[in-house]
Structures are given as C-alpha cells and as structure tokens.
Amino acid sequence: MKQKISLLVALLTSVLAGCGGGGSGGNPATVIYEKTITGFSTVNHPLTSPKLMTFSGSGLLTVADSASVVTFNVASGAVVSNYSITNPFGVAVKPGSNDVYYTGGVSGNQGVFLNGQQIPIPNTSANLYGIAFTTAQDWYVANVAGSVLIYQNTNQGNPVSVPVPSGFPSALVANNGLIYVSLAGPGASILSFNPAATGASNHGFTPLPWGTFDFPNGIAVDGEYAYIANSGDSNGNNGYISRVKISDGTKEVFASSSVGVWQTTGVGFCGPSGLAIYDKYLYVSNGTCTSAINQNQILKIKLQ
C-alpha cells in the first residue's frame, strides 16, 4: 500500500510540474499587442508632399514626393536613389527587381518613368496617378480621366485603355491577379479590376462590397486584410486608415487620432495618401492638412 501511495504522489508531482504549478517552468508570459504609431526618419531627404509609396523585397521604401521619387533604406534611413520629376504620384517596383516605375511629368500629358528615364509610350494626353504590376511583364496605370491603361513590357507602344464605369481612378494595387482601384472623392468606393475580363459589359470592373470611404487613396494588402488611406476631406483633415477583411468586407477604423497608441509629437493623420507594408509595419505617407499635424512625414503602424 505504501508503495502505491508513493507512486501516486510521484505521478501527481510530475503532472503539476508539467502544468507549471508552483514553479518557474510555467507557460511563457503572453505578449500583448500594442498598435503603436511612430515616425520613420527622412532626415536624409526631408519630404514636402509625400504621395503614394511602395516597397521592394529588399527593404527599400520608394516615395513619390512633390518633385522627386526617392528611395530610402528602411534599416538605416539612407537615401538609395533620388530621381527628379515634375508632379510624381504613383510608384511601383517591377517584381523580381529593384526597378522603380513611376508616373509624372507635365500636367495634361504625363508619362511613365523607369529609374530616372522616361519610358517610350504613346502620349497619354492625361494626368496619371497609380501604377501597379501583376507580373514582371504586365503593368497598369490609372488615367484620372476615367480609365486604366494596360501595358506590357514586350509591347509598350500599344496600351489598352479600359474605361472605368464611373468615378476617377486614383491608387492601384495588385492582389492575386486582380487590381484594386481606389476612386477619388468623398463617399467613394474601391473597385476590383480583372484584366482577363475586359470584354465583359462591365469591362472587368466590379465594386467591392466594402462600403464607401472618405477621399480614399493608397491601398496595401497583407494576407486576408486590405488597408485603405482615407484623406478625410478635401483639405486632408480628419484622415484615418481603414482595414477591411477581404473575404467578407468587414470594415473597421484601424488607426485614427483616437485609435492607436501615438508616439509622435502630434496626434493624428494629415492627408494620408500612400500605404506600404514591410516587416510587420504599415507605413503611411502623411501629406498636408489645415492643422499641419505630423504633416510631410512617413508614419509606421505596428501590425499584430
């Protein structure tokens, strides 16, 4: 009997020890996620009106500023490249490379540029905004007159112009072969564009069931979520970042002056425009607004 009791006590002791009972070998402490909002230093190239942004796979952040397209190394903040250009807006990196494509040029007849050189494409007779790649050969440009231009690196001289059903396209981002298109203005929606369905009655455009946004602009996709920059109003006031679950359209305010743990001098967005994701951070280009809070900066929001 005493032997059985001893074995039972030993068994219970072993179980308790495995569960962390009374000892230091328990479960590790739970890490609590904190949605911090901090700044990314651009002291090596102060920004004056940052717009759309993108990342290359090597941790290089490319930003369209007021009169240049500048690329930063996010680890050091050093400027990797700086291309002068009038009225830049959209930027994209060709997949599998560090080649920076961007829109800009003389208002009313803007073009597309690659690493400081204009690409020989037909005159657009328009202003161009967002640009995105689905493959290394296929790229798309938002024509604010109301269409998306489809280019191929193998045949740049013959782009296809696909009319948007309504509204004025602004930012573009690729996701699983589709292009998400933000429409400019108040109460605007986000469209999904399928390049393989341009012959359909809707020309391949479908309004996403995400509701409307307040002057939406840049879009970034991270797994099952899409993030949208809302400028707030026409002056860039009361901007915020929306997060949408792509599978069901559930939408929330992900960051605003009242959502998030602000660790900047001021609290709030100022005409947020571009979004880009790298190493579990959402980068936001903060432009200008009436209050000038955090204006002309790049902000970082910690992702869970």
C-alpha atoms as a PDB file:
ATOM      1  CA  MET A   1       0.000   0.000   0.000  1.00  0.00           C
ATOM      2  CA  LYS A   2       2.761   2.474   0.966  1.00  0.00           C
ATOM      3  CA  GLN A   3       4.450   1.737  -2.352  1.00  0.00           C
ATOM      4  CA  LYS A   4       1.251   2.532  -4.280  1.00  0.00           C
ATOM      5  CA  ILE A   5       0.767   5.802  -2.371  1.00  0.00           C
ATOM      6  CA  SER A   6       4.377   6.813  -3.115  1.00  0.00           C
ATOM      7  CA  LEU A   7       3.865   6.120  -6.817  1.00  0.00           C
ATOM      8  CA  LEU A   8       0.632   8.151  -6.811  1.00  0.00           C
ATOM      9  CA  VAL A   9       2.325  11.123  -5.136  1.00  0.00           C
ATOM     10  CA  ALA A  10       5.184  10.979  -7.633  1.00  0.00           C
ATOM     11  CA  LEU A  11       2.712  10.923 -10.534  1.00  0.00           C
ATOM     12  CA  LEU A  12       0.780  13.940  -9.226  1.00  0.00           C
ATOM     13  CA  THR A  13       4.002  15.841  -8.638  1.00  0.00           C
ATOM     14  CA  SER A  14       5.083  15.168 -12.218  1.00  0.00           C
ATOM     15  CA  VAL A  15       1.721  16.349 -13.635  1.00  0.00           C
ATOM     16  CA  LEU A  16       1.770  19.548 -11.585  1.00  0.00           C
ATOM     17  CA  ALA A  17       5.308  20.294 -12.660  1.00  0.00           C
ATOM     18  CA  GLY A  18       4.337  19.831 -16.306  1.00  0.00           C
ATOM     19  CA  CYS A  19       1.464  22.296 -15.897  1.00  0.00           C
ATOM     20  CA  GLY A  20       3.740  24.919 -14.379  1.00  0.00           C
ATOM     21  CA  GLY A  21       2.232  24.537 -10.941  1.00  0.00           C
ATOM     22  CA  GLY A  22       4.180  26.377  -8.289  1.00  0.00           C
ATOM     23  CA  GLY A  23       7.434  26.589 -10.274  1.00  0.00           C
ATOM     24  CA  SER A  24       9.285  28.773 -12.720  1.00  0.00           C
ATOM     25  CA  GLY A  25       8.762  26.316 -15.592  1.00  0.00           C
ATOM     26  CA  GLY A  26       5.239  27.538 -16.422  1.00  0.00           C
ATOM     27  CA  ASN A  27       3.937  28.861 -19.726  1.00  0.00           C
ATOM     28  CA  PRO A  28       5.781  31.912 -21.089  1.00  0.00           C
ATOM     29  CA  ALA A  29       4.171  35.291 -20.492  1.00  0.00           C
ATOM     30  CA  THR A  30       1.641  36.366 -23.114  1.00  0.00           C
ATOM     31  CA  VAL A  31       2.918  39.120 -25.402  1.00  0.00           C
ATOM     32  CA  ILE A  32       0.330  41.899 -25.563  1.00  0.00           C
ATOM     33  CA  TYR A  33      -0.018  43.577 -28.965  1.00  0.00           C
ATOM     34  CA  GLU A  34       0.120  47.364 -28.876  1.00  0.00           C
ATOM     35  CA  LYS A  35      -0.823  49.293 -32.025  1.00  0.00           C
ATOM     36  CA  THR A  36       1.938  51.859 -31.787  1.00  0.00           C
ATOM     37  CA  ILE A  37       2.185  54.723 -34.286  1.00  0.00           C
ATOM     38  CA  THR A  38       5.673  56.126 -34.668  1.00  0.00           C
ATOM     39  CA  GLY A  39       7.659  58.091 -37.224  1.00  0.00           C
ATOM     40  CA  PHE A  40      10.160  56.944 -39.842  1.00  0.00           C
ATOM     41  CA  SER A  41      13.039  59.390 -40.140  1.00  0.00           C
ATOM     42  CA  THR A  42      13.501  61.033 -43.550  1.00  0.00           C
ATOM     43  CA  VAL A  43      16.104  63.482 -42.278  1.00  0.00           C
ATOM     44  CA  ASN A  44      18.376  62.499 -45.185  1.00  0.00           C
ATOM     45  CA  HIS A  45      15.722  63.746 -47.608  1.00  0.00           C
ATOM     46  CA  PRO A  46      13.024  65.911 -45.944  1.00  0.00           C
ATOM     47  CA  LEU A  47       9.671  65.439 -47.663  1.00  0.00           C
ATOM     48  CA  THR A  48       7.393  68.260 -48.806  1.00  0.00           C
ATOM     49  CA  SER A  49       4.270  66.455 -50.032  1.00  0.00           C
ATOM     50  CA  PRO A  50       4.622  62.651 -49.996  1.00  0.00           C
ATOM     51  CA  LYS A  51       2.098  60.688 -52.016  1.00  0.00           C
ATOM     52  CA  LEU A  52       1.987  57.007 -52.982  1.00  0.00           C
ATOM     53  CA  MET A  53       4.661  54.554 -51.803  1.00  0.00           C
ATOM     54  CA  THR A  54       5.850  51.011 -52.371  1.00  0.00           C
ATOM     55  CA  PHE A  55       8.413  48.542 -51.024  1.00  0.00           C
ATOM     56  CA  SER A  56      10.822  46.311 -52.831  1.00  0.00           C
ATOM     57  CA  GLY A  57      11.606  42.925 -51.364  1.00  0.00           C
ATOM     58  CA  SER A  58      14.984  44.143 -50.119  1.00  0.00           C
ATOM     59  CA  GLY A  59      13.551  46.645 -47.624  1.00  0.00           C
ATOM     60  CA  LEU A  60      13.704  49.710 -49.826  1.00  0.00           C
ATOM     61  CA  LEU A  61      10.864  52.235 -49.433  1.00  0.00           C
ATOM     62  CA  THR A  62      10.107  54.323 -52.524  1.00  0.00           C
ATOM     63  CA  VAL A  63       8.070  57.513 -52.072  1.00  0.00           C
ATOM     64  CA  ALA A  64       6.638  59.941 -54.609  1.00  0.00           C
ATOM     65  CA  ASP A  65       7.328  63.400 -53.198  1.00  0.00           C
ATOM     66  CA  SER A  66       6.448  66.846 -54.575  1.00  0.00           C
ATOM     67  CA  ALA A  67       9.206  66.976 -57.205  1.00  0.00           C
ATOM     68  CA  SER A  68      11.112  63.717 -56.906  1.00  0.00           C
ATOM     69  CA  VAL A  69      10.843  59.992 -56.385  1.00  0.00           C
ATOM     70  CA  VAL A  70      13.123  58.988 -53.529  1.00  0.00           C
ATOM     71  CA  THR A  71      14.041  55.540 -52.196  1.00  0.00           C
ATOM     72  CA  PHE A  72      15.078  55.010 -48.571  1.00  0.00           C
ATOM     73  CA  ASN A  73      16.796  52.072 -46.924  1.00  0.00           C
ATOM     74  CA  VAL A  74      14.412  51.415 -44.025  1.00  0.00           C
ATOM     75  CA  ALA A  75      17.141  49.906 -41.852  1.00  0.00           C
ATOM     76  CA  SER A  76      19.404  52.957 -41.951  1.00  0.00           C
ATOM     77  CA  GLY A  77      17.256  55.750 -43.371  1.00  0.00           C
ATOM     78  CA  ALA A  78      19.875  56.357 -46.052  1.00  0.00           C
ATOM     79  CA  VAL A  79      18.791  57.606 -49.472  1.00  0.00           C
ATOM     80  CA  VAL A  80      19.403  54.908 -52.075  1.00  0.00           C
ATOM     81  CA  SER A  81      18.164  56.834 -55.114  1.00  0.00           C
ATOM     82  CA  ASN A  82      16.551  60.181 -55.891  1.00  0.00           C
ATOM     83  CA  TYR A  83      15.023  60.950 -59.288  1.00  0.00           C
ATOM     84  CA  SER A  84      13.809  64.483 -60.081  1.00  0.00           C
ATOM     85  CA  ILE A  85      10.385  64.570 -61.739  1.00  0.00           C
ATOM     86  CA  THR A  86       7.537  67.060 -62.074  1.00  0.00           C
ATOM     87  CA  ASN A  87       4.250  66.105 -60.416  1.00  0.00           C
ATOM     88  CA  PRO A  88       5.033  62.496 -59.446  1.00  0.00           C
ATOM     89  CA  PHE A  89       2.236  60.450 -57.936  1.00  0.00           C
ATOM     90  CA  GLY A  90       2.241  56.674 -58.422  1.00  0.00           C
ATOM     91  CA  VAL A  91       5.177  54.330 -57.817  1.00  0.00           C
ATOM     92  CA  ALA A  92       5.680  50.597 -58.301  1.00  0.00           C
ATOM     93  CA  VAL A  93       8.592  48.179 -58.245  1.00  0.00           C
ATOM     94  CA  LYS A  94       8.840  45.613 -61.018  1.00  0.00           C
ATOM     95  CA  PRO A  95       8.537  42.114 -59.486  1.00  0.00           C
ATOM     96  CA  GLY A  96      11.838  40.352 -59.038  1.00  0.00           C
ATOM     97  CA  SER A  97      13.863  43.553 -59.276  1.00  0.00           C
ATOM     98  CA  ASN A  98      14.537  46.945 -57.710  1.00  0.00           C
ATOM     99  CA  ASP A  99      13.433  48.788 -60.874  1.00  0.00           C
ATOM    100  CA  VAL A 100      11.263  51.737 -59.855  1.00  0.00           C
ATOM    101  CA  TYR A 101       8.440  52.697 -62.228  1.00  0.00           C
ATOM    102  CA  TYR A 102       6.578  55.933 -61.541  1.00  0.00           C
ATOM    103  CA  THR A 103       4.119  58.359 -63.091  1.00  0.00           C
ATOM    104  CA  GLY A 104       4.595  62.094 -63.533  1.00  0.00           C
ATOM    105  CA  GLY A 105       5.657  64.821 -65.911  1.00  0.00           C
ATOM    106  CA  VAL A 106       3.984  67.827 -67.468  1.00  0.00           C
ATOM    107  CA  SER A 107       0.379  68.194 -66.380  1.00  0.00           C
ATOM    108  CA  GLY A 108      -2.063  67.118 -69.073  1.00  0.00           C
ATOM    109  CA  ASN A 109       0.328  64.770 -70.836  1.00  0.00           C
ATOM    110  CA  GLN A 110       2.085  62.758 -68.159  1.00  0.00           C
ATOM    111  CA  GLY A 111       4.159  59.668 -68.727  1.00  0.00           C
ATOM    112  CA  VAL A 112       5.762  56.699 -67.031  1.00  0.00           C
ATOM    113  CA  PHE A 113       9.407  56.675 -65.938  1.00  0.00           C
ATOM    114  CA  LEU A 114      11.892  53.946 -65.045  1.00  0.00           C
ATOM    115  CA  ASN A 115      14.908  54.656 -62.846  1.00  0.00           C
ATOM    116  CA  GLY A 116      15.089  58.281 -63.961  1.00  0.00           C
ATOM    117  CA  GLN A 117      14.379  57.704 -67.667  1.00  0.00           C
ATOM    118  CA  GLN A 118      11.059  58.211 -69.453  1.00  0.00           C
ATOM    119  CA  ILE A 119       9.620  55.056 -70.974  1.00  0.00           C
ATOM    120  CA  PRO A 120       8.758  55.398 -74.682  1.00  0.00           C
ATOM    121  CA  ILE A 121       4.984  55.022 -74.596  1.00  0.00           C
ATOM    122  CA  PRO A 122       2.380  56.883 -76.687  1.00  0.00           C
ATOM    123  CA  ASN A 123       1.302  60.335 -75.483  1.00  0.00           C
ATOM    124  CA  THR A 124      -1.350  59.951 -72.822  1.00  0.00           C
ATOM    125  CA  SER A 125      -2.874  63.459 -73.070  1.00  0.00           C
ATOM    126  CA  ALA A 126      -3.872  62.936 -69.447  1.00  0.00           C
ATOM    127  CA  ASN A 127      -2.736  63.026 -65.840  1.00  0.00           C
ATOM    128  CA  LEU A 128      -1.616  59.668 -64.455  1.00  0.00           C
ATOM    129  CA  TYR A 129      -1.858  58.500 -60.849  1.00  0.00           C
ATOM    130  CA  GLY A 130      -1.409  54.968 -59.520  1.00  0.00           C
ATOM    131  CA  ILE A 131       0.683  52.247 -61.145  1.00  0.00           C
ATOM    132  CA  ALA A 132       0.827  48.513 -60.334  1.00  0.00           C
ATOM    133  CA  PHE A 133       2.276  45.238 -61.644  1.00  0.00           C
ATOM    134  CA  THR A 134       0.597  41.821 -61.745  1.00  0.00           C
ATOM    135  CA  THR A 135       3.664  40.170 -63.320  1.00  0.00           C
ATOM    136  CA  ALA A 136       7.085  41.386 -64.400  1.00  0.00           C
ATOM    137  CA  GLN A 137       5.614  41.971 -67.873  1.00  0.00           C
ATOM    138  CA  ASP A 138       2.155  43.358 -67.149  1.00  0.00           C
ATOM    139  CA  TRP A 139       1.641  46.773 -65.610  1.00  0.00           C
ATOM    140  CA  TYR A 140      -1.319  49.094 -65.178  1.00  0.00           C
ATOM    141  CA  VAL A 141      -1.693  52.858 -64.843  1.00  0.00           C
ATOM    142  CA  ALA A 142      -4.613  54.933 -63.548  1.00  0.00           C
ATOM    143  CA  ASN A 143      -5.665  57.617 -66.012  1.00  0.00           C
ATOM    144  CA  VAL A 144      -7.606  60.164 -63.948  1.00  0.00           C
ATOM    145  CA  ALA A 145      -9.764  60.970 -66.961  1.00  0.00           C
ATOM    146  CA  GLY A 146     -11.549  57.708 -66.146  1.00  0.00           C
ATOM    147  CA  SER A 147      -9.710  54.637 -67.374  1.00  0.00           C
ATOM    148  CA  VAL A 148      -6.999  52.114 -66.578  1.00  0.00           C
ATOM    149  CA  LEU A 149      -4.208  51.752 -69.126  1.00  0.00           C
ATOM    150  CA  ILE A 150      -2.784  48.259 -69.597  1.00  0.00           C
ATOM    151  CA  TYR A 151       0.825  47.951 -70.719  1.00  0.00           C
ATOM    152  CA  GLN A 152       3.154  45.069 -71.399  1.00  0.00           C
ATOM    153  CA  ASN A 153       6.927  45.395 -71.304  1.00  0.00           C
ATOM    154  CA  THR A 154       7.047  43.408 -74.511  1.00  0.00           C
ATOM    155  CA  ASN A 155       4.654  45.815 -76.292  1.00  0.00           C
ATOM    156  CA  GLN A 156       4.695  49.187 -74.565  1.00  0.00           C
ATOM    157  CA  GLY A 157       3.671  51.060 -77.703  1.00  0.00           C
ATOM    158  CA  ASN A 158       0.145  49.640 -77.788  1.00  0.00           C
ATOM    159  CA  PRO A 159      -1.541  50.032 -74.411  1.00  0.00           C
ATOM    160  CA  VAL A 160      -5.161  49.052 -73.904  1.00  0.00           C
ATOM    161  CA  SER A 161      -7.398  51.721 -72.379  1.00  0.00           C
ATOM    162  CA  VAL A 162     -10.179  50.238 -70.260  1.00  0.00           C
ATOM    163  CA  PRO A 163     -12.929  52.685 -69.187  1.00  0.00           C
ATOM    164  CA  VAL A 164     -13.911  52.774 -65.519  1.00  0.00           C
ATOM    165  CA  PRO A 165     -17.738  52.505 -65.190  1.00  0.00           C
ATOM    166  CA  SER A 166     -17.889  55.644 -63.016  1.00  0.00           C
ATOM    167  CA  GLY A 167     -15.582  57.829 -60.970  1.00  0.00           C
ATOM    168  CA  PHE A 168     -11.945  58.773 -61.293  1.00  0.00           C
ATOM    169  CA  PRO A 169      -9.282  56.134 -60.562  1.00  0.00           C
ATOM    170  CA  SER A 170      -6.516  57.075 -58.164  1.00  0.00           C
ATOM    171  CA  ALA A 171      -4.320  54.446 -56.477  1.00  0.00           C
ATOM    172  CA  LEU A 172      -3.819  50.889 -57.783  1.00  0.00           C
ATOM    173  CA  VAL A 173      -2.584  47.755 -56.036  1.00  0.00           C
ATOM    174  CA  ALA A 174      -2.324  44.180 -57.322  1.00  0.00           C
ATOM    175  CA  ASN A 175      -3.716  41.204 -55.413  1.00  0.00           C
ATOM    176  CA  ASN A 176      -3.845  37.649 -56.779  1.00  0.00           C
ATOM    177  CA  GLY A 177      -4.049  38.717 -60.408  1.00  0.00           C
ATOM    178  CA  LEU A 178      -6.646  41.431 -59.756  1.00  0.00           C
ATOM    179  CA  ILE A 179      -6.143  45.180 -59.459  1.00  0.00           C
ATOM    180  CA  TYR A 180      -7.816  47.093 -56.649  1.00  0.00           C
ATOM    181  CA  VAL A 181      -8.666  50.639 -57.734  1.00  0.00           C
ATOM    182  CA  SER A 182      -9.490  53.470 -55.335  1.00  0.00           C
ATOM    183  CA  LEU A 183     -11.811  56.132 -56.706  1.00  0.00           C
ATOM    184  CA  ALA A 184     -11.174  59.772 -55.845  1.00  0.00           C
ATOM    185  CA  GLY A 185     -13.545  61.950 -53.847  1.00  0.00           C
ATOM    186  CA  PRO A 186     -15.964  61.852 -50.901  1.00  0.00           C
ATOM    187  CA  GLY A 187     -18.055  58.747 -50.290  1.00  0.00           C
ATOM    188  CA  ALA A 188     -16.050  56.835 -52.884  1.00  0.00           C
ATOM    189  CA  SER A 189     -15.701  53.085 -53.263  1.00  0.00           C
ATOM    190  CA  ILE A 190     -12.970  50.619 -54.196  1.00  0.00           C
ATOM    191  CA  LEU A 191     -13.203  48.652 -57.442  1.00  0.00           C
ATOM    192  CA  SER A 192     -11.786  45.279 -58.355  1.00  0.00           C
ATOM    193  CA  PHE A 193     -10.452  45.080 -61.904  1.00  0.00           C
ATOM    194  CA  ASN A 194      -9.957  41.735 -63.645  1.00  0.00           C
ATOM    195  CA  PRO A 195      -7.636  42.222 -66.663  1.00  0.00           C
ATOM    196  CA  ALA A 196      -8.882  38.931 -68.131  1.00  0.00           C
ATOM    197  CA  ALA A 197     -12.468  40.223 -68.354  1.00  0.00           C
ATOM    198  CA  THR A 198     -12.118  43.491 -70.250  1.00  0.00           C
ATOM    199  CA  GLY A 199     -14.545  42.227 -72.897  1.00  0.00           C
ATOM    200  CA  ALA A 200     -17.412  41.932 -70.398  1.00  0.00           C
ATOM    201  CA  SER A 201     -20.137  44.555 -70.149  1.00  0.00           C
ATOM    202  CA  ASN A 202     -18.527  45.999 -67.020  1.00  0.00           C
ATOM    203  CA  HIS A 203     -15.064  45.913 -68.699  1.00  0.00           C
ATOM    204  CA  GLY A 204     -13.773  43.765 -65.842  1.00  0.00           C
ATOM    205  CA  PHE A 205     -14.620  46.253 -63.060  1.00  0.00           C
ATOM    206  CA  THR A 206     -16.650  45.222 -60.015  1.00  0.00           C
ATOM    207  CA  PRO A 207     -17.391  47.422 -56.977  1.00  0.00           C
ATOM    208  CA  LEU A 208     -16.041  45.682 -53.887  1.00  0.00           C
ATOM    209  CA  PRO A 209     -18.572  45.198 -51.041  1.00  0.00           C
ATOM    210  CA  TRP A 210     -16.507  47.318 -48.677  1.00  0.00           C
ATOM    211  CA  GLY A 211     -18.788  50.327 -48.412  1.00  0.00           C
ATOM    212  CA  THR A 212     -17.554  53.845 -49.068  1.00  0.00           C
ATOM    213  CA  PHE A 213     -14.529  55.809 -47.894  1.00  0.00           C
ATOM    214  CA  ASP A 214     -13.585  59.432 -47.218  1.00  0.00           C
ATOM    215  CA  PHE A 215     -11.362  60.534 -50.099  1.00  0.00           C
ATOM    216  CA  PRO A 216      -9.643  57.121 -50.368  1.00  0.00           C
ATOM    217  CA  ASN A 217      -6.198  56.870 -51.856  1.00  0.00           C
ATOM    218  CA  GLY A 218      -3.400  54.365 -51.221  1.00  0.00           C
ATOM    219  CA  ILE A 219      -4.195  50.675 -50.676  1.00  0.00           C
ATOM    220  CA  ALA A 220      -1.993  47.961 -49.173  1.00  0.00           C
ATOM    221  CA  VAL A 221      -2.785  44.237 -48.894  1.00  0.00           C
ATOM    222  CA  ASP A 222      -1.457  41.948 -46.181  1.00  0.00           C
ATOM    223  CA  GLY A 223      -2.837  38.405 -46.328  1.00  0.00           C
ATOM    224  CA  GLU A 224      -6.566  38.473 -45.601  1.00  0.00           C
ATOM    225  CA  TYR A 225      -6.734  42.223 -44.983  1.00  0.00           C
ATOM    226  CA  ALA A 226      -6.667  45.346 -47.127  1.00  0.00           C
ATOM    227  CA  TYR A 227      -5.730  48.733 -45.699  1.00  0.00           C
ATOM    228  CA  ILE A 228      -7.038  51.972 -47.217  1.00  0.00           C
ATOM    229  CA  ALA A 229      -5.789  55.513 -46.595  1.00  0.00           C
ATOM    230  CA  ASN A 230      -8.667  57.982 -46.125  1.00  0.00           C
ATOM    231  CA  SER A 231      -7.595  61.603 -46.573  1.00  0.00           C
ATOM    232  CA  GLY A 232     -10.657  62.668 -44.562  1.00  0.00           C
ATOM    233  CA  ASP A 233     -11.767  65.699 -46.554  1.00  0.00           C
ATOM    234  CA  SER A 234     -10.546  67.764 -49.496  1.00  0.00           C
ATOM    235  CA  ASN A 235      -8.092  69.595 -47.215  1.00  0.00           C
ATOM    236  CA  GLY A 236      -6.641  66.424 -45.708  1.00  0.00           C
ATOM    237  CA  ASN A 237      -8.267  66.951 -42.312  1.00  0.00           C
ATOM    238  CA  ASN A 238      -9.513  64.105 -40.071  1.00  0.00           C
ATOM    239  CA  GLY A 239      -7.734  61.417 -42.068  1.00  0.00           C
ATOM    240  CA  TYR A 240      -7.635  57.815 -40.929  1.00  0.00           C
ATOM    241  CA  ILE A 241      -6.750  54.281 -42.028  1.00  0.00           C
ATOM    242  CA  SER A 242      -9.420  51.665 -42.714  1.00  0.00           C
ATOM    243  CA  ARG A 243      -8.914  47.912 -42.535  1.00  0.00           C
ATOM    244  CA  VAL A 244     -11.147  45.547 -44.485  1.00  0.00           C
ATOM    245  CA  LYS A 245     -11.323  41.773 -44.267  1.00  0.00           C
ATOM    246  CA  ILE A 246     -11.189  40.810 -47.924  1.00  0.00           C
ATOM    247  CA  SER A 247     -13.249  37.611 -47.570  1.00  0.00           C
ATOM    248  CA  ASP A 248     -16.411  39.230 -46.188  1.00  0.00           C
ATOM    249  CA  GLY A 249     -15.972  43.007 -46.446  1.00  0.00           C
ATOM    250  CA  THR A 250     -15.957  43.615 -42.684  1.00  0.00           C
ATOM    251  CA  LYS A 251     -14.585  47.123 -42.209  1.00  0.00           C
ATOM    252  CA  GLU A 252     -13.113  48.961 -39.237  1.00  0.00           C
ATOM    253  CA  VAL A 253     -11.149  52.117 -38.446  1.00  0.00           C
ATOM    254  CA  PHE A 254      -7.678  50.662 -37.960  1.00  0.00           C
ATOM    255  CA  ALA A 255      -5.911  53.888 -36.973  1.00  0.00           C
ATOM    256  CA  SER A 256      -7.012  57.474 -36.388  1.00  0.00           C
ATOM    257  CA  SER A 257      -6.461  60.329 -33.944  1.00  0.00           C
ATOM    258  CA  SER A 258      -8.418  58.268 -31.394  1.00  0.00           C
ATOM    259  CA  VAL A 259      -7.380  54.728 -32.434  1.00  0.00           C
ATOM    260  CA  GLY A 260      -3.824  53.572 -31.838  1.00  0.00           C
ATOM    261  CA  VAL A 261      -1.042  54.374 -29.401  1.00  0.00           C
ATOM    262  CA  TRP A 262       0.536  57.548 -30.771  1.00  0.00           C
ATOM    263  CA  GLN A 263       4.217  58.042 -30.025  1.00  0.00           C
ATOM    264  CA  THR A 264       4.737  61.084 -32.240  1.00  0.00           C
ATOM    265  CA  THR A 265       4.930  64.770 -31.310  1.00  0.00           C
ATOM    266  CA  GLY A 266       1.390  65.349 -32.533  1.00  0.00           C
ATOM    267  CA  VAL A 267      -1.596  63.023 -32.622  1.00  0.00           C
ATOM    268  CA  GLY A 268      -3.401  62.443 -35.898  1.00  0.00           C
ATOM    269  CA  PHE A 269      -3.021  61.976 -39.642  1.00  0.00           C
ATOM    270  CA  CYS A 270      -2.620  64.815 -42.108  1.00  0.00           C
ATOM    271  CA  GLY A 271      -3.892  63.958 -45.574  1.00  0.00           C
ATOM    272  CA  PRO A 272      -2.640  60.344 -45.521  1.00  0.00           C
ATOM    273  CA  SER A 273      -2.018  59.188 -49.056  1.00  0.00           C
ATOM    274  CA  GLY A 274       0.317  56.233 -49.615  1.00  0.00           C
ATOM    275  CA  LEU A 275       0.462  52.883 -47.818  1.00  0.00           C
ATOM    276  CA  ALA A 276       3.082  50.146 -47.895  1.00  0.00           C
ATOM    277  CA  ILE A 277       3.787  47.124 -45.679  1.00  0.00           C
ATOM    278  CA  TYR A 278       7.150  45.767 -44.603  1.00  0.00           C
ATOM    279  CA  ASP A 279       8.377  43.681 -41.658  1.00  0.00           C
ATOM    280  CA  LYS A 280       5.084  43.813 -39.713  1.00  0.00           C
ATOM    281  CA  TYR A 281       4.675  47.578 -40.065  1.00  0.00           C
ATOM    282  CA  LEU A 282       2.208  49.575 -42.123  1.00  0.00           C
ATOM    283  CA  TYR A 283       3.949  52.675 -43.483  1.00  0.00           C
ATOM    284  CA  VAL A 284       1.784  55.751 -44.155  1.00  0.00           C
ATOM    285  CA  SER A 285       2.769  58.860 -46.094  1.00  0.00           C
ATOM    286  CA  ASN A 286       1.339  61.876 -44.293  1.00  0.00           C
ATOM    287  CA  GLY A 287       0.841  64.835 -46.612  1.00  0.00           C
ATOM    288  CA  THR A 288      -0.617  68.219 -45.775  1.00  0.00           C
ATOM    289  CA  CYS A 289      -3.723  69.458 -43.959  1.00  0.00           C
ATOM    290  CA  THR A 290      -5.082  72.594 -42.290  1.00  0.00           C
ATOM    291  CA  SER A 291      -3.820  71.668 -38.817  1.00  0.00           C
ATOM    292  CA  ALA A 292      -0.371  70.600 -40.130  1.00  0.00           C
ATOM    293  CA  ILE A 293      -0.247  67.773 -37.534  1.00  0.00           C
ATOM    294  CA  ASN A 294       2.550  65.358 -38.431  1.00  0.00           C
ATOM    295  CA  GLN A 295       2.490  66.708 -41.973  1.00  0.00           C
ATOM    296  CA  ASN A 296       5.060  65.740 -44.613  1.00  0.00           C
ATOM    297  CA  GLN A 297       6.170  62.671 -42.692  1.00  0.00           C
ATOM    298  CA  ILE A 298       6.232  58.918 -43.004  1.00  0.00           C
ATOM    299  CA  LEU A 299       4.498  57.162 -40.114  1.00  0.00           C
ATOM    300  CA  LYS A 300       4.742  53.499 -39.050  1.00  0.00           C
ATOM    301  CA  ILE A 301       1.894  51.498 -37.534  1.00  0.00           C
ATOM    302  CA  LYS A 302       2.741  48.255 -35.778  1.00  0.00           C
ATOM    303  CA  LEU A 303       0.789  45.301 -37.194  1.00  0.00           C
ATOM    304  CA  GLN A 304      -0.175  42.374 -34.981  1.00  0.00           C
END
